[in-house]
Amino acid sequence: MSIYYALGTVLLLLAITGPVALAFGFGGASAARSHITPLRWIGKTYIAIVRGVPDIAFFLFFVIALDQMFEYIRHTIKCPDWTDPVRQGSDFVVCAAAKLPLGNAPQWVHETYGFSIAVLTFSIVFGAFAANVLFGAMRAVPRGQLETAEAYGMSRRQTFWRVLVPQMWVFALPGLSNLWMVLIKSTPLLFLLGVEDIVYWARELGGAKQPQFTDYPHPDWRIWYFFALLVFYLCFTKVSELVLDKIMARLTLGQATAAGERQRKAAR
């Protein structure tokens, strides 16, 4: 049953990470085009740093740094009388009350915490790529439409939410759909974050088992397990393509874009 539970973990990760990464991306893109200079610097720095670092290096470093940051904050609050340094050589030592999760916590708490860290890490990484896509989509909306909205007396906030945001999605969806496919293919990186995913269990369950008291003996079946994963990912990405095509057709309906023009001609 472990591989089925791991499959559910992967699907749950995608279901949560997709919207959260999109929210990070929207916030980063909005900040990058802000008229407030410090906010604009923050948005562009977020996009540049995450996009410029290899994913595997970011996953390996960021998770450790994030976990230690949470524990250090708890350490300063819960153990103000602690006198020893928390950084002792290569070790990071905090009081027992500051550990995340606590040592006596149930197993499901440890698993939930690890999964939450994985979701946050995936969201931050793919949110930066989504921010770059959305930033370009915002700039693709014709400037004349924004100026017309302002001429009609709309405020900057009203122009953003009523004119820019509704129209940018048609320009952003091709890039976001590619990003969704990359996110699906990146789920095996869960193993680097301490989460046992379907690739991990395919390797473990498919490997040759020696006759033992609790293990069912069989030869090396990894090729069949990995073939099943290949079929699963191909089917999943194909379903995603069909759904995204439906969304794209809905967004381009009546839009003055190449896709909208094709729909208008096909309706004749």
C-alpha atoms as a PDB file:
ATOM      1  CA  MET A   1       0.000   0.000   0.000  1.00  0.00           C
ATOM      2  CA  SER A   2       2.977   2.327   0.397  1.00  0.00           C
ATOM      3  CA  ILE A   3       3.196   3.108  -3.306  1.00  0.00           C
ATOM      4  CA  TYR A   4      -0.526   3.936  -3.400  1.00  0.00           C
ATOM      5  CA  TYR A   5      -0.140   6.270  -0.437  1.00  0.00           C
ATOM      6  CA  ALA A   6       2.850   7.848  -2.192  1.00  0.00           C
ATOM      7  CA  LEU A   7       0.724   8.343  -5.326  1.00  0.00           C
ATOM      8  CA  GLY A   8      -1.844  10.177  -3.216  1.00  0.00           C
ATOM      9  CA  THR A   9       0.963  12.288  -1.741  1.00  0.00           C
ATOM     10  CA  VAL A  10       2.131  13.332  -5.216  1.00  0.00           C
ATOM     11  CA  LEU A  11      -1.394  14.243  -6.336  1.00  0.00           C
ATOM     12  CA  LEU A  12      -2.015  16.181  -3.120  1.00  0.00           C
ATOM     13  CA  LEU A  13       1.274  18.029  -3.576  1.00  0.00           C
ATOM     14  CA  LEU A  14       0.274  19.088  -7.093  1.00  0.00           C
ATOM     15  CA  ALA A  15      -3.232  20.086  -5.992  1.00  0.00           C
ATOM     16  CA  ILE A  16      -1.851  22.366  -3.259  1.00  0.00           C
ATOM     17  CA  THR A  17       1.346  23.589  -4.898  1.00  0.00           C
ATOM     18  CA  GLY A  18      -0.326  24.684  -8.153  1.00  0.00           C
ATOM     19  CA  PRO A  19      -2.568  27.391  -6.623  1.00  0.00           C
ATOM     20  CA  VAL A  20      -0.002  28.404  -3.998  1.00  0.00           C
ATOM     21  CA  ALA A  21       2.774  28.787  -6.609  1.00  0.00           C
ATOM     22  CA  LEU A  22       0.380  30.801  -8.777  1.00  0.00           C
ATOM     23  CA  ALA A  23      -0.303  33.075  -5.793  1.00  0.00           C
ATOM     24  CA  PHE A  24       3.454  33.514  -5.243  1.00  0.00           C
ATOM     25  CA  GLY A  25       3.845  34.230  -8.941  1.00  0.00           C
ATOM     26  CA  PHE A  26       1.038  36.778  -9.015  1.00  0.00           C
ATOM     27  CA  GLY A  27       2.473  38.531  -5.976  1.00  0.00           C
ATOM     28  CA  GLY A  28       5.984  38.531  -7.454  1.00  0.00           C
ATOM     29  CA  ALA A  29       4.794  39.831 -10.836  1.00  0.00           C
ATOM     30  CA  SER A  30       2.665  42.540  -9.207  1.00  0.00           C
ATOM     31  CA  ALA A  31       5.627  43.612  -7.085  1.00  0.00           C
ATOM     32  CA  ALA A  32       7.985  43.610 -10.081  1.00  0.00           C
ATOM     33  CA  ARG A  33       5.776  46.095 -11.966  1.00  0.00           C
ATOM     34  CA  SER A  34       4.969  48.196  -8.913  1.00  0.00           C
ATOM     35  CA  HIS A  35       5.523  51.954  -8.962  1.00  0.00           C
ATOM     36  CA  ILE A  36       7.020  51.691  -5.461  1.00  0.00           C
ATOM     37  CA  THR A  37      10.762  51.277  -6.004  1.00  0.00           C
ATOM     38  CA  PRO A  38      11.644  49.045  -2.988  1.00  0.00           C
ATOM     39  CA  LEU A  39       8.707  46.760  -3.763  1.00  0.00           C
ATOM     40  CA  ARG A  40       9.754  46.574  -7.408  1.00  0.00           C
ATOM     41  CA  TRP A  41      13.291  45.630  -6.371  1.00  0.00           C
ATOM     42  CA  ILE A  42      11.963  42.886  -4.103  1.00  0.00           C
ATOM     43  CA  GLY A  43       9.832  41.402  -6.890  1.00  0.00           C
ATOM     44  CA  LYS A  44      12.617  41.451  -9.477  1.00  0.00           C
ATOM     45  CA  THR A  45      15.185  40.113  -7.001  1.00  0.00           C
ATOM     46  CA  TYR A  46      12.892  37.203  -6.067  1.00  0.00           C
ATOM     47  CA  ILE A  47      12.431  36.290  -9.722  1.00  0.00           C
ATOM     48  CA  ALA A  48      16.124  36.637 -10.573  1.00  0.00           C
ATOM     49  CA  ILE A  49      17.522  34.692  -7.600  1.00  0.00           C
ATOM     50  CA  VAL A  50      15.214  31.676  -7.790  1.00  0.00           C
ATOM     51  CA  ARG A  51      15.381  31.454 -11.598  1.00  0.00           C
ATOM     52  CA  GLY A  52      19.177  31.746 -11.528  1.00  0.00           C
ATOM     53  CA  VAL A  53      19.831  28.914  -9.059  1.00  0.00           C
ATOM     54  CA  PRO A  54      19.596  25.241 -10.178  1.00  0.00           C
ATOM     55  CA  ASP A  55      16.484  23.627  -8.767  1.00  0.00           C
ATOM     56  CA  ILE A  56      18.308  20.752  -7.089  1.00  0.00           C
ATOM     57  CA  ALA A  57      20.741  23.119  -5.337  1.00  0.00           C
ATOM     58  CA  PHE A  58      17.876  25.334  -4.195  1.00  0.00           C
ATOM     59  CA  PHE A  59      15.935  22.341  -2.893  1.00  0.00           C
ATOM     60  CA  LEU A  60      18.906  20.996  -0.971  1.00  0.00           C
ATOM     61  CA  PHE A  61      19.895  24.336   0.571  1.00  0.00           C
ATOM     62  CA  PHE A  62      16.583  26.106   1.052  1.00  0.00           C
ATOM     63  CA  VAL A  63      14.847  23.332   2.966  1.00  0.00           C
ATOM     64  CA  ILE A  64      17.660  23.151   5.531  1.00  0.00           C
ATOM     65  CA  ALA A  65      17.814  26.951   5.859  1.00  0.00           C
ATOM     66  CA  LEU A  66      14.032  27.265   6.154  1.00  0.00           C
ATOM     67  CA  ASP A  67      13.803  24.557   8.798  1.00  0.00           C
ATOM     68  CA  GLN A  68      16.622  26.100  10.823  1.00  0.00           C
ATOM     69  CA  MET A  69      15.029  29.567  10.552  1.00  0.00           C
ATOM     70  CA  PHE A  70      11.758  28.264  12.005  1.00  0.00           C
ATOM     71  CA  GLU A  71      13.583  26.493  14.819  1.00  0.00           C
ATOM     72  CA  TYR A  72      15.727  29.545  15.584  1.00  0.00           C
ATOM     73  CA  ILE A  73      12.633  31.771  15.873  1.00  0.00           C
ATOM     74  CA  ARG A  74      11.017  29.278  18.249  1.00  0.00           C
ATOM     75  CA  HIS A  75      14.316  28.977  20.135  1.00  0.00           C
ATOM     76  CA  THR A  76      14.535  32.722  20.813  1.00  0.00           C
ATOM     77  CA  ILE A  77      10.916  32.776  22.041  1.00  0.00           C
ATOM     78  CA  LYS A  78      10.746  29.573  24.082  1.00  0.00           C
ATOM     79  CA  CYS A  79      14.285  29.458  25.462  1.00  0.00           C
ATOM     80  CA  PRO A  80      15.398  33.045  26.232  1.00  0.00           C
ATOM     81  CA  ASP A  81      17.780  31.842  28.964  1.00  0.00           C
ATOM     82  CA  TRP A  82      19.810  29.641  26.599  1.00  0.00           C
ATOM     83  CA  THR A  83      23.464  30.713  26.721  1.00  0.00           C
ATOM     84  CA  ASP A  84      25.170  28.257  24.379  1.00  0.00           C
ATOM     85  CA  PRO A  85      25.555  29.242  20.708  1.00  0.00           C
ATOM     86  CA  VAL A  86      23.101  27.572  18.352  1.00  0.00           C
ATOM     87  CA  ARG A  87      25.779  27.228  15.688  1.00  0.00           C
ATOM     88  CA  GLN A  88      28.400  24.807  16.983  1.00  0.00           C
ATOM     89  CA  GLY A  89      30.696  23.962  14.119  1.00  0.00           C
ATOM     90  CA  SER A  90      28.617  22.156  11.528  1.00  0.00           C
ATOM     91  CA  ASP A  91      25.837  21.413  14.052  1.00  0.00           C
ATOM     92  CA  PHE A  92      22.730  23.503  14.624  1.00  0.00           C
ATOM     93  CA  VAL A  93      21.673  23.059  18.246  1.00  0.00           C
ATOM     94  CA  VAL A  94      18.485  24.499  19.747  1.00  0.00           C
ATOM     95  CA  CYS A  95      16.594  23.631  22.911  1.00  0.00           C
ATOM     96  CA  ALA A  96      14.267  20.647  22.852  1.00  0.00           C
ATOM     97  CA  ALA A  97      11.153  22.839  23.074  1.00  0.00           C
ATOM     98  CA  ALA A  98      12.122  24.615  19.838  1.00  0.00           C
ATOM     99  CA  LYS A  99      12.474  21.496  17.719  1.00  0.00           C
ATOM    100  CA  LEU A 100      10.173  21.187  14.716  1.00  0.00           C
ATOM    101  CA  PRO A 101       8.434  18.898  15.119  1.00  0.00           C
ATOM    102  CA  LEU A 102       8.937  17.893  18.748  1.00  0.00           C
ATOM    103  CA  GLY A 103      10.785  14.650  19.359  1.00  0.00           C
ATOM    104  CA  ASN A 104       7.781  13.074  21.105  1.00  0.00           C
ATOM    105  CA  ALA A 105       5.328  14.106  18.389  1.00  0.00           C
ATOM    106  CA  PRO A 106       3.388  11.351  16.571  1.00  0.00           C
ATOM    107  CA  GLN A 107       4.694  10.061  13.255  1.00  0.00           C
ATOM    108  CA  TRP A 108       1.933  11.762  11.279  1.00  0.00           C
ATOM    109  CA  VAL A 109       3.088  15.131  12.640  1.00  0.00           C
ATOM    110  CA  HIS A 110       6.611  14.521  11.309  1.00  0.00           C
ATOM    111  CA  GLU A 111       5.222  13.481   7.931  1.00  0.00           C
ATOM    112  CA  THR A 112       2.855  16.456   7.752  1.00  0.00           C
ATOM    113  CA  TYR A 113       5.653  18.866   8.629  1.00  0.00           C
ATOM    114  CA  GLY A 114       7.937  17.393   5.966  1.00  0.00           C
ATOM    115  CA  PHE A 115       5.141  17.572   3.411  1.00  0.00           C
ATOM    116  CA  SER A 116       4.394  21.197   4.340  1.00  0.00           C
ATOM    117  CA  ILE A 117       8.045  22.153   3.887  1.00  0.00           C
ATOM    118  CA  ALA A 118       7.997  20.418   0.494  1.00  0.00           C
ATOM    119  CA  VAL A 119       4.876  22.321  -0.588  1.00  0.00           C
ATOM    120  CA  LEU A 120       6.376  25.644   0.496  1.00  0.00           C
ATOM    121  CA  THR A 121       9.661  24.928  -1.286  1.00  0.00           C
ATOM    122  CA  PHE A 122       7.955  23.855  -4.525  1.00  0.00           C
ATOM    123  CA  SER A 123       5.677  26.900  -4.342  1.00  0.00           C
ATOM    124  CA  ILE A 124       8.536  29.359  -3.899  1.00  0.00           C
ATOM    125  CA  VAL A 125      10.603  27.831  -6.712  1.00  0.00           C
ATOM    126  CA  PHE A 126       7.822  27.505  -9.253  1.00  0.00           C
ATOM    127  CA  GLY A 127       6.250  30.744  -8.053  1.00  0.00           C
ATOM    128  CA  ALA A 128       9.318  32.598  -9.308  1.00  0.00           C
ATOM    129  CA  PHE A 129       8.913  31.082 -12.766  1.00  0.00           C
ATOM    130  CA  ALA A 130       5.193  31.856 -12.686  1.00  0.00           C
ATOM    131  CA  ALA A 131       6.015  35.438 -11.685  1.00  0.00           C
ATOM    132  CA  ASN A 132       8.232  35.802 -14.737  1.00  0.00           C
ATOM    133  CA  VAL A 133       5.470  34.456 -16.993  1.00  0.00           C
ATOM    134  CA  LEU A 134       2.817  36.711 -15.453  1.00  0.00           C
ATOM    135  CA  PHE A 135       5.096  39.734 -15.580  1.00  0.00           C
ATOM    136  CA  GLY A 136       5.542  39.233 -19.316  1.00  0.00           C
ATOM    137  CA  ALA A 137       1.797  38.666 -19.748  1.00  0.00           C
ATOM    138  CA  MET A 138       1.023  41.940 -17.964  1.00  0.00           C
ATOM    139  CA  ARG A 139       3.351  43.782 -20.298  1.00  0.00           C
ATOM    140  CA  ALA A 140       1.706  42.112 -23.314  1.00  0.00           C
ATOM    141  CA  VAL A 141      -1.669  43.730 -22.604  1.00  0.00           C
ATOM    142  CA  PRO A 142      -1.925  46.740 -24.971  1.00  0.00           C
ATOM    143  CA  ARG A 143      -0.996  49.952 -23.217  1.00  0.00           C
ATOM    144  CA  GLY A 144      -3.768  51.776 -25.047  1.00  0.00           C
ATOM    145  CA  GLN A 145      -6.429  49.842 -23.153  1.00  0.00           C
ATOM    146  CA  LEU A 146      -4.937  50.851 -19.817  1.00  0.00           C
ATOM    147  CA  GLU A 147      -4.761  54.476 -20.907  1.00  0.00           C
ATOM    148  CA  THR A 148      -8.393  54.320 -22.047  1.00  0.00           C
ATOM    149  CA  ALA A 149      -9.457  52.989 -18.649  1.00  0.00           C
ATOM    150  CA  GLU A 150      -7.581  55.804 -16.936  1.00  0.00           C
ATOM    151  CA  ALA A 151      -9.185  58.333 -19.306  1.00  0.00           C
ATOM    152  CA  TYR A 152     -12.602  57.069 -18.221  1.00  0.00           C
ATOM    153  CA  GLY A 153     -11.709  57.949 -14.648  1.00  0.00           C
ATOM    154  CA  MET A 154     -10.650  54.551 -13.304  1.00  0.00           C
ATOM    155  CA  SER A 155      -8.066  54.567 -10.560  1.00  0.00           C
ATOM    156  CA  ARG A 156      -4.806  52.690 -10.905  1.00  0.00           C
ATOM    157  CA  ARG A 157      -6.196  49.883  -8.732  1.00  0.00           C
ATOM    158  CA  GLN A 158      -9.403  49.640 -10.775  1.00  0.00           C
ATOM    159  CA  THR A 159      -7.449  49.579 -14.035  1.00  0.00           C
ATOM    160  CA  PHE A 160      -5.258  46.782 -12.689  1.00  0.00           C
ATOM    161  CA  TRP A 161      -8.095  44.523 -11.510  1.00  0.00           C
ATOM    162  CA  ARG A 162     -10.761  45.287 -14.131  1.00  0.00           C
ATOM    163  CA  VAL A 163      -8.693  45.686 -17.301  1.00  0.00           C
ATOM    164  CA  LEU A 164      -5.160  44.316 -16.912  1.00  0.00           C
ATOM    165  CA  VAL A 165      -5.720  41.154 -14.860  1.00  0.00           C
ATOM    166  CA  PRO A 166      -8.681  39.743 -16.872  1.00  0.00           C
ATOM    167  CA  GLN A 167      -6.802  40.161 -20.149  1.00  0.00           C
ATOM    168  CA  MET A 168      -3.369  38.990 -19.106  1.00  0.00           C
ATOM    169  CA  TRP A 169      -4.412  35.349 -18.584  1.00  0.00           C
ATOM    170  CA  VAL A 170      -4.732  34.684 -22.303  1.00  0.00           C
ATOM    171  CA  PHE A 171      -1.079  35.712 -22.734  1.00  0.00           C
ATOM    172  CA  ALA A 172       0.074  33.902 -19.596  1.00  0.00           C
ATOM    173  CA  LEU A 173      -1.634  30.528 -20.044  1.00  0.00           C
ATOM    174  CA  PRO A 174       0.822  29.036 -22.610  1.00  0.00           C
ATOM    175  CA  GLY A 175       3.732  29.701 -20.279  1.00  0.00           C
ATOM    176  CA  LEU A 176       1.818  28.585 -17.196  1.00  0.00           C
ATOM    177  CA  SER A 177       0.773  25.352 -18.914  1.00  0.00           C
ATOM    178  CA  ASN A 178       4.413  24.543 -19.676  1.00  0.00           C
ATOM    179  CA  LEU A 179       5.268  25.352 -16.074  1.00  0.00           C
ATOM    180  CA  TRP A 180       2.547  22.959 -14.877  1.00  0.00           C
ATOM    181  CA  MET A 181       4.079  20.182 -16.975  1.00  0.00           C
ATOM    182  CA  VAL A 182       7.504  20.882 -15.489  1.00  0.00           C
ATOM    183  CA  LEU A 183       5.979  20.805 -12.008  1.00  0.00           C
ATOM    184  CA  ILE A 184       4.492  17.373 -12.690  1.00  0.00           C
ATOM    185  CA  LYS A 185       7.859  16.062 -13.862  1.00  0.00           C
ATOM    186  CA  SER A 186       9.626  17.573 -10.848  1.00  0.00           C
ATOM    187  CA  THR A 187       7.670  15.622  -8.251  1.00  0.00           C
ATOM    188  CA  PRO A 188      10.451  12.976  -7.926  1.00  0.00           C
ATOM    189  CA  LEU A 189      12.466  15.736  -6.207  1.00  0.00           C
ATOM    190  CA  LEU A 190      10.253  15.050  -3.206  1.00  0.00           C
ATOM    191  CA  PHE A 191      12.738  12.367  -2.179  1.00  0.00           C
ATOM    192  CA  LEU A 192      15.377  15.079  -1.671  1.00  0.00           C
ATOM    193  CA  LEU A 193      13.025  16.729   0.820  1.00  0.00           C
ATOM    194  CA  GLY A 194      12.574  13.558   2.861  1.00  0.00           C
ATOM    195  CA  VAL A 195       9.160  12.648   1.415  1.00  0.00           C
ATOM    196  CA  GLU A 196       8.820   9.090   0.121  1.00  0.00           C
ATOM    197  CA  ASP A 197       7.275   9.520  -3.333  1.00  0.00           C
ATOM    198  CA  ILE A 198       6.219   6.992  -5.973  1.00  0.00           C
ATOM    199  CA  VAL A 199       9.654   6.898  -7.620  1.00  0.00           C
ATOM    200  CA  TYR A 200      11.235   6.007  -4.278  1.00  0.00           C
ATOM    201  CA  TRP A 201       8.764   3.176  -3.688  1.00  0.00           C
ATOM    202  CA  ALA A 202       9.065   1.933  -7.272  1.00  0.00           C
ATOM    203  CA  ARG A 203      12.778   1.485  -6.705  1.00  0.00           C
ATOM    204  CA  GLU A 204      12.328  -0.088  -3.276  1.00  0.00           C
ATOM    205  CA  LEU A 205       9.475  -2.451  -4.135  1.00  0.00           C
ATOM    206  CA  GLY A 206      10.847  -3.383  -7.544  1.00  0.00           C
ATOM    207  CA  GLY A 207      14.303  -4.315  -6.302  1.00  0.00           C
ATOM    208  CA  ALA A 208      15.178  -7.976  -5.859  1.00  0.00           C
ATOM    209  CA  LYS A 209      13.988  -9.326  -2.502  1.00  0.00           C
ATOM    210  CA  GLN A 210      15.764 -12.124  -0.703  1.00  0.00           C
ATOM    211  CA  PRO A 211      13.655 -14.741   1.081  1.00  0.00           C
ATOM    212  CA  GLN A 212      13.073 -13.363   4.547  1.00  0.00           C
ATOM    213  CA  PHE A 213      10.435 -13.733   7.189  1.00  0.00           C
ATOM    214  CA  THR A 214       8.474 -10.605   6.185  1.00  0.00           C
ATOM    215  CA  ASP A 215       9.577  -9.996   2.563  1.00  0.00           C
ATOM    216  CA  TYR A 216       8.048 -11.714  -0.426  1.00  0.00           C
ATOM    217  CA  PRO A 217      10.992 -12.979  -2.570  1.00  0.00           C
ATOM    218  CA  HIS A 218      11.023 -11.965  -6.234  1.00  0.00           C
ATOM    219  CA  PRO A 219      13.598 -11.049  -8.913  1.00  0.00           C
ATOM    220  CA  ASP A 220      14.382  -7.497 -10.006  1.00  0.00           C
ATOM    221  CA  TRP A 221      11.057  -5.969 -11.158  1.00  0.00           C
ATOM    222  CA  ARG A 222      12.146  -2.335 -11.212  1.00  0.00           C
ATOM    223  CA  ILE A 223      11.807  -2.076 -14.985  1.00  0.00           C
ATOM    224  CA  TRP A 224       8.079  -2.880 -14.699  1.00  0.00           C
ATOM    225  CA  TYR A 225       7.532  -0.474 -11.827  1.00  0.00           C
ATOM    226  CA  PHE A 226       9.271   2.328 -13.705  1.00  0.00           C
ATOM    227  CA  PHE A 227       7.346   1.464 -16.862  1.00  0.00           C
ATOM    228  CA  ALA A 228       4.123   1.850 -14.872  1.00  0.00           C
ATOM    229  CA  LEU A 229       5.344   5.257 -13.694  1.00  0.00           C
ATOM    230  CA  LEU A 230       6.121   6.206 -17.294  1.00  0.00           C
ATOM    231  CA  VAL A 231       2.559   5.367 -18.316  1.00  0.00           C
ATOM    232  CA  PHE A 232       1.173   7.241 -15.310  1.00  0.00           C
ATOM    233  CA  TYR A 233       3.093  10.440 -16.053  1.00  0.00           C
ATOM    234  CA  LEU A 234       2.276  10.296 -19.761  1.00  0.00           C
ATOM    235  CA  CYS A 235      -1.441   9.871 -19.025  1.00  0.00           C
ATOM    236  CA  PHE A 236      -1.377  12.599 -16.400  1.00  0.00           C
ATOM    237  CA  THR A 237       0.302  15.108 -18.705  1.00  0.00           C
ATOM    238  CA  LYS A 238      -2.080  14.212 -21.537  1.00  0.00           C
ATOM    239  CA  VAL A 239      -5.121  14.857 -19.338  1.00  0.00           C
ATOM    240  CA  SER A 240      -3.507  18.120 -18.244  1.00  0.00           C
ATOM    241  CA  GLU A 241      -3.054  19.145 -21.886  1.00  0.00           C
ATOM    242  CA  LEU A 242      -6.732  18.505 -22.643  1.00  0.00           C
ATOM    243  CA  VAL A 243      -7.880  20.505 -19.623  1.00  0.00           C
ATOM    244  CA  LEU A 244      -5.519  23.385 -20.414  1.00  0.00           C
ATOM    245  CA  ASP A 245      -6.718  23.446 -24.040  1.00  0.00           C
ATOM    246  CA  LYS A 246     -10.293  23.810 -22.785  1.00  0.00           C
ATOM    247  CA  ILE A 247      -9.272  26.664 -20.499  1.00  0.00           C
ATOM    248  CA  MET A 248      -7.356  28.352 -23.318  1.00  0.00           C
ATOM    249  CA  ALA A 249     -10.353  28.117 -25.647  1.00  0.00           C
ATOM    250  CA  ARG A 250     -12.541  29.684 -22.963  1.00  0.00           C
ATOM    251  CA  LEU A 251     -10.109  32.537 -22.286  1.00  0.00           C
ATOM    252  CA  THR A 252      -9.493  33.404 -25.947  1.00  0.00           C
ATOM    253  CA  LEU A 253     -13.191  33.560 -26.812  1.00  0.00           C
ATOM    254  CA  GLY A 254     -13.772  37.044 -28.213  1.00  0.00           C
ATOM    255  CA  GLN A 255     -10.187  38.165 -27.550  1.00  0.00           C
ATOM    256  CA  ALA A 256      -8.259  40.128 -30.171  1.00  0.00           C
ATOM    257  CA  THR A 257      -5.490  37.517 -30.315  1.00  0.00           C
ATOM    258  CA  ALA A 258      -4.396  34.917 -32.857  1.00  0.00           C
ATOM    259  CA  ALA A 259      -6.267  32.183 -30.988  1.00  0.00           C
ATOM    260  CA  GLY A 260      -9.364  34.334 -30.710  1.00  0.00           C
ATOM    261  CA  GLU A 261      -9.221  35.094 -34.418  1.00  0.00           C
ATOM    262  CA  ARG A 262      -9.048  31.384 -35.235  1.00  0.00           C
ATOM    263  CA  GLN A 263     -12.166  30.778 -33.145  1.00  0.00           C
ATOM    264  CA  ARG A 264     -13.985  33.625 -34.863  1.00  0.00           C
ATOM    265  CA  LYS A 265     -13.168  32.243 -38.317  1.00  0.00           C
ATOM    266  CA  ALA A 266     -14.081  28.686 -37.298  1.00  0.00           C
ATOM    267  CA  ALA A 267     -17.502  29.876 -36.122  1.00  0.00           C
ATOM    268  CA  ARG A 268     -18.395  31.246 -39.574  1.00  0.00           C
END
